[in-house]
N, C-alpha and C. Protein backbone atom coordinates (compact mmCIF):
# COMPACT_ATOMS: atom_id res chain seq x y z
N MET A 1 -34.89 1.12 11.85
CA MET A 1 -34.43 0.52 13.09
C MET A 1 -35.26 -0.72 13.41
N PRO A 2 -34.62 -1.73 13.98
CA PRO A 2 -35.36 -2.94 14.33
C PRO A 2 -36.31 -2.66 15.49
N ILE A 3 -37.44 -3.33 15.46
CA ILE A 3 -38.44 -3.13 16.50
C ILE A 3 -38.46 -4.31 17.45
N THR A 4 -38.53 -5.51 16.90
CA THR A 4 -38.64 -6.69 17.75
C THR A 4 -37.30 -7.02 18.41
N GLN A 5 -37.39 -7.77 19.50
CA GLN A 5 -36.19 -8.15 20.25
C GLN A 5 -35.27 -9.02 19.41
N SER A 6 -35.85 -9.95 18.65
CA SER A 6 -35.03 -10.84 17.83
C SER A 6 -34.31 -10.09 16.72
N ALA A 7 -34.95 -9.06 16.18
CA ALA A 7 -34.31 -8.25 15.13
C ALA A 7 -33.13 -7.47 15.71
N LYS A 8 -33.29 -6.97 16.94
CA LYS A 8 -32.19 -6.26 17.60
C LYS A 8 -31.01 -7.20 17.86
N LYS A 9 -31.34 -8.42 18.27
CA LYS A 9 -30.30 -9.42 18.53
C LYS A 9 -29.58 -9.80 17.22
N ALA A 10 -30.34 -9.91 16.15
CA ALA A 10 -29.75 -10.25 14.85
C ALA A 10 -28.80 -9.15 14.38
N ILE A 11 -29.15 -7.92 14.63
CA ILE A 11 -28.28 -6.78 14.27
C ILE A 11 -26.97 -6.86 15.04
N ARG A 12 -27.05 -7.16 16.36
CA ARG A 12 -25.83 -7.27 17.16
C ARG A 12 -24.94 -8.39 16.63
N GLY A 13 -25.54 -9.52 16.31
CA GLY A 13 -24.77 -10.65 15.79
C GLY A 13 -24.13 -10.33 14.46
N SER A 14 -24.87 -9.67 13.58
CA SER A 14 -24.32 -9.36 12.26
C SER A 14 -23.19 -8.34 12.37
N LEU A 15 -23.27 -7.43 13.32
CA LEU A 15 -22.18 -6.47 13.52
C LEU A 15 -20.91 -7.16 14.01
N ARG A 16 -21.09 -8.15 14.91
CA ARG A 16 -19.94 -8.93 15.38
C ARG A 16 -19.30 -9.70 14.23
N LYS A 17 -20.14 -10.34 13.43
CA LYS A 17 -19.62 -11.11 12.29
C LYS A 17 -18.92 -10.21 11.30
N LYS A 18 -19.48 -9.02 11.07
CA LYS A 18 -18.86 -8.06 10.13
C LYS A 18 -17.49 -7.65 10.63
N ALA A 19 -17.34 -7.45 11.93
CA ALA A 19 -16.05 -7.06 12.49
C ALA A 19 -15.01 -8.16 12.25
N PHE A 20 -15.39 -9.42 12.48
CA PHE A 20 -14.47 -10.53 12.25
C PHE A 20 -14.12 -10.65 10.77
N ASN A 21 -15.13 -10.52 9.91
CA ASN A 21 -14.89 -10.65 8.47
C ASN A 21 -14.00 -9.53 7.95
N ASP A 22 -14.24 -8.32 8.43
CA ASP A 22 -13.42 -7.18 8.00
C ASP A 22 -11.97 -7.37 8.43
N GLN A 23 -11.77 -7.88 9.64
CA GLN A 23 -10.42 -8.13 10.16
C GLN A 23 -9.71 -9.17 9.30
N ARG A 24 -10.41 -10.25 8.99
CA ARG A 24 -9.82 -11.32 8.19
C ARG A 24 -9.47 -10.83 6.79
N LYS A 25 -10.34 -10.02 6.21
CA LYS A 25 -10.10 -9.50 4.87
C LYS A 25 -8.93 -8.51 4.88
N ARG A 26 -8.84 -7.69 5.93
CA ARG A 26 -7.77 -6.71 6.03
C ARG A 26 -6.41 -7.40 6.16
N VAL A 27 -6.34 -8.44 6.98
CA VAL A 27 -5.09 -9.19 7.15
C VAL A 27 -4.65 -9.79 5.82
N MET A 28 -5.62 -10.36 5.11
CA MET A 28 -5.32 -10.98 3.82
C MET A 28 -4.79 -9.94 2.82
N LYS A 29 -5.46 -8.81 2.73
CA LYS A 29 -5.05 -7.78 1.78
C LYS A 29 -3.69 -7.20 2.13
N GLU A 30 -3.42 -7.00 3.42
CA GLU A 30 -2.14 -6.43 3.84
C GLU A 30 -0.98 -7.34 3.46
N ILE A 31 -1.13 -8.63 3.69
CA ILE A 31 -0.02 -9.54 3.39
C ILE A 31 0.17 -9.68 1.88
N ILE A 32 -0.92 -9.63 1.12
CA ILE A 32 -0.80 -9.69 -0.34
C ILE A 32 -0.06 -8.46 -0.86
N LYS A 33 -0.42 -7.28 -0.35
CA LYS A 33 0.26 -6.06 -0.78
C LYS A 33 1.74 -6.08 -0.40
N LYS A 34 2.02 -6.60 0.80
CA LYS A 34 3.40 -6.68 1.26
C LYS A 34 4.22 -7.58 0.34
N ILE A 35 3.64 -8.72 -0.03
CA ILE A 35 4.34 -9.65 -0.91
C ILE A 35 4.58 -9.03 -2.28
N GLU A 36 3.57 -8.36 -2.82
CA GLU A 36 3.71 -7.73 -4.13
C GLU A 36 4.80 -6.65 -4.12
N LYS A 37 4.92 -5.96 -3.00
CA LYS A 37 5.94 -4.91 -2.89
C LYS A 37 7.34 -5.50 -2.78
N ILE A 38 7.49 -6.54 -1.96
CA ILE A 38 8.80 -7.14 -1.73
C ILE A 38 9.25 -8.01 -2.90
N ALA A 39 8.29 -8.52 -3.68
CA ALA A 39 8.62 -9.44 -4.78
C ALA A 39 9.57 -8.81 -5.80
N LYS A 40 9.54 -7.49 -5.90
CA LYS A 40 10.39 -6.81 -6.87
C LYS A 40 11.86 -6.84 -6.46
N THR A 41 12.11 -6.97 -5.15
CA THR A 41 13.49 -6.90 -4.68
C THR A 41 14.04 -8.22 -4.15
N ASP A 42 13.32 -8.85 -3.22
CA ASP A 42 13.87 -10.00 -2.50
C ASP A 42 12.99 -11.23 -2.68
N LYS A 43 13.37 -12.11 -3.60
CA LYS A 43 12.58 -13.31 -3.90
C LYS A 43 12.61 -14.31 -2.74
N ALA A 44 13.74 -14.43 -2.06
CA ALA A 44 13.85 -15.41 -0.98
C ALA A 44 12.91 -15.07 0.17
N GLU A 45 12.80 -13.81 0.47
CA GLU A 45 11.91 -13.37 1.56
C GLU A 45 10.45 -13.63 1.18
N VAL A 46 10.13 -13.43 -0.08
CA VAL A 46 8.76 -13.62 -0.54
C VAL A 46 8.35 -15.09 -0.43
N VAL A 47 9.26 -15.99 -0.73
CA VAL A 47 8.95 -17.41 -0.64
C VAL A 47 8.60 -17.79 0.79
N LYS A 48 9.28 -17.19 1.76
CA LYS A 48 8.98 -17.46 3.17
C LYS A 48 7.60 -16.93 3.55
N MET A 49 7.24 -15.77 3.01
CA MET A 49 5.96 -15.14 3.35
C MET A 49 4.78 -15.78 2.63
N LEU A 50 5.07 -16.53 1.58
CA LEU A 50 4.00 -17.07 0.74
C LEU A 50 3.07 -18.01 1.52
N SER A 51 3.63 -18.82 2.40
CA SER A 51 2.79 -19.77 3.14
C SER A 51 1.83 -19.04 4.08
N SER A 52 2.28 -17.95 4.70
CA SER A 52 1.38 -17.21 5.57
C SER A 52 0.29 -16.50 4.77
N ALA A 53 0.63 -16.08 3.55
CA ALA A 53 -0.38 -15.47 2.68
C ALA A 53 -1.42 -16.51 2.28
N PHE A 54 -0.94 -17.71 1.91
CA PHE A 54 -1.86 -18.78 1.53
C PHE A 54 -2.78 -19.12 2.71
N GLN A 55 -2.22 -19.13 3.91
CA GLN A 55 -3.01 -19.44 5.10
C GLN A 55 -4.11 -18.40 5.30
N ALA A 56 -3.76 -17.12 5.15
CA ALA A 56 -4.75 -16.06 5.33
C ALA A 56 -5.84 -16.14 4.27
N ILE A 57 -5.44 -16.43 3.03
CA ILE A 57 -6.41 -16.54 1.94
C ILE A 57 -7.33 -17.74 2.16
N ASP A 58 -6.75 -18.87 2.56
CA ASP A 58 -7.55 -20.07 2.79
C ASP A 58 -8.54 -19.87 3.94
N LYS A 59 -8.12 -19.20 4.99
CA LYS A 59 -9.02 -18.96 6.12
C LYS A 59 -10.17 -18.05 5.70
N ALA A 60 -9.87 -17.03 4.89
CA ALA A 60 -10.91 -16.13 4.42
C ALA A 60 -11.92 -16.89 3.56
N ALA A 61 -11.42 -17.80 2.72
CA ALA A 61 -12.33 -18.59 1.87
C ALA A 61 -13.14 -19.57 2.71
N GLN A 62 -12.50 -20.17 3.69
CA GLN A 62 -13.16 -21.15 4.54
C GLN A 62 -14.30 -20.52 5.34
N LYS A 63 -14.08 -19.31 5.80
CA LYS A 63 -15.09 -18.63 6.61
C LYS A 63 -16.13 -17.90 5.76
N GLY A 64 -15.97 -17.91 4.44
CA GLY A 64 -16.96 -17.30 3.57
C GLY A 64 -16.76 -15.82 3.34
N VAL A 65 -15.60 -15.30 3.71
CA VAL A 65 -15.32 -13.88 3.48
C VAL A 65 -15.11 -13.64 1.99
N ILE A 66 -14.38 -14.56 1.34
CA ILE A 66 -14.24 -14.53 -0.11
C ILE A 66 -14.65 -15.90 -0.64
N LYS A 67 -14.94 -15.96 -1.93
CA LYS A 67 -15.36 -17.24 -2.51
C LYS A 67 -14.16 -18.12 -2.83
N LYS A 68 -14.46 -19.39 -3.02
CA LYS A 68 -13.41 -20.39 -3.21
C LYS A 68 -12.57 -20.10 -4.46
N ASN A 69 -13.22 -19.76 -5.57
CA ASN A 69 -12.48 -19.48 -6.80
C ASN A 69 -11.67 -18.19 -6.70
N ASN A 70 -12.18 -17.23 -5.94
CA ASN A 70 -11.46 -15.99 -5.70
C ASN A 70 -10.16 -16.30 -4.95
N ALA A 71 -10.25 -17.17 -3.96
CA ALA A 71 -9.06 -17.57 -3.19
C ALA A 71 -8.07 -18.28 -4.09
N ALA A 72 -8.56 -19.18 -4.94
CA ALA A 72 -7.68 -19.92 -5.84
C ALA A 72 -6.98 -18.97 -6.80
N ARG A 73 -7.70 -17.98 -7.29
CA ARG A 73 -7.12 -17.00 -8.21
C ARG A 73 -6.04 -16.17 -7.52
N LYS A 74 -6.31 -15.73 -6.30
CA LYS A 74 -5.32 -14.95 -5.56
C LYS A 74 -4.05 -15.76 -5.32
N LYS A 75 -4.21 -17.02 -4.91
CA LYS A 75 -3.05 -17.87 -4.64
C LYS A 75 -2.27 -18.14 -5.92
N SER A 76 -2.97 -18.34 -7.01
CA SER A 76 -2.31 -18.59 -8.29
C SER A 76 -1.49 -17.39 -8.73
N ARG A 77 -2.05 -16.22 -8.60
CA ARG A 77 -1.35 -15.01 -9.02
C ARG A 77 -0.14 -14.72 -8.14
N LEU A 78 -0.27 -15.01 -6.84
CA LEU A 78 0.86 -14.82 -5.94
C LEU A 78 2.00 -15.79 -6.27
N SER A 79 1.66 -17.03 -6.51
CA SER A 79 2.70 -18.01 -6.80
C SER A 79 3.35 -17.72 -8.16
N LYS A 80 2.57 -17.19 -9.09
CA LYS A 80 3.12 -16.79 -10.40
C LYS A 80 4.07 -15.61 -10.23
N LEU A 81 3.73 -14.71 -9.32
CA LEU A 81 4.57 -13.54 -9.06
C LEU A 81 5.92 -13.94 -8.45
N VAL A 82 5.89 -14.99 -7.64
CA VAL A 82 7.12 -15.45 -6.97
C VAL A 82 8.07 -16.12 -7.96
N ARG A 83 7.54 -16.85 -8.90
CA ARG A 83 8.37 -17.56 -9.88
C ARG A 83 9.23 -16.66 -10.71
């Protein structure tokens, strides 16, 4: 357990950041799974959802939740799946 006041404050901040990062990662994963599921049946619907998936992936990469190359790989695989 933290002893100093600054260490306690750092713990609170890191917990807040973890909550935001977890939320961003969960949103990204949910939309990717949804696209992968729908891609088998309805290609037109997937094309519409692709931009929102790219947006979620880009935001996660921008905020440091995932790395830049990881985001590029996810976007590449999604666009390949749509084709």
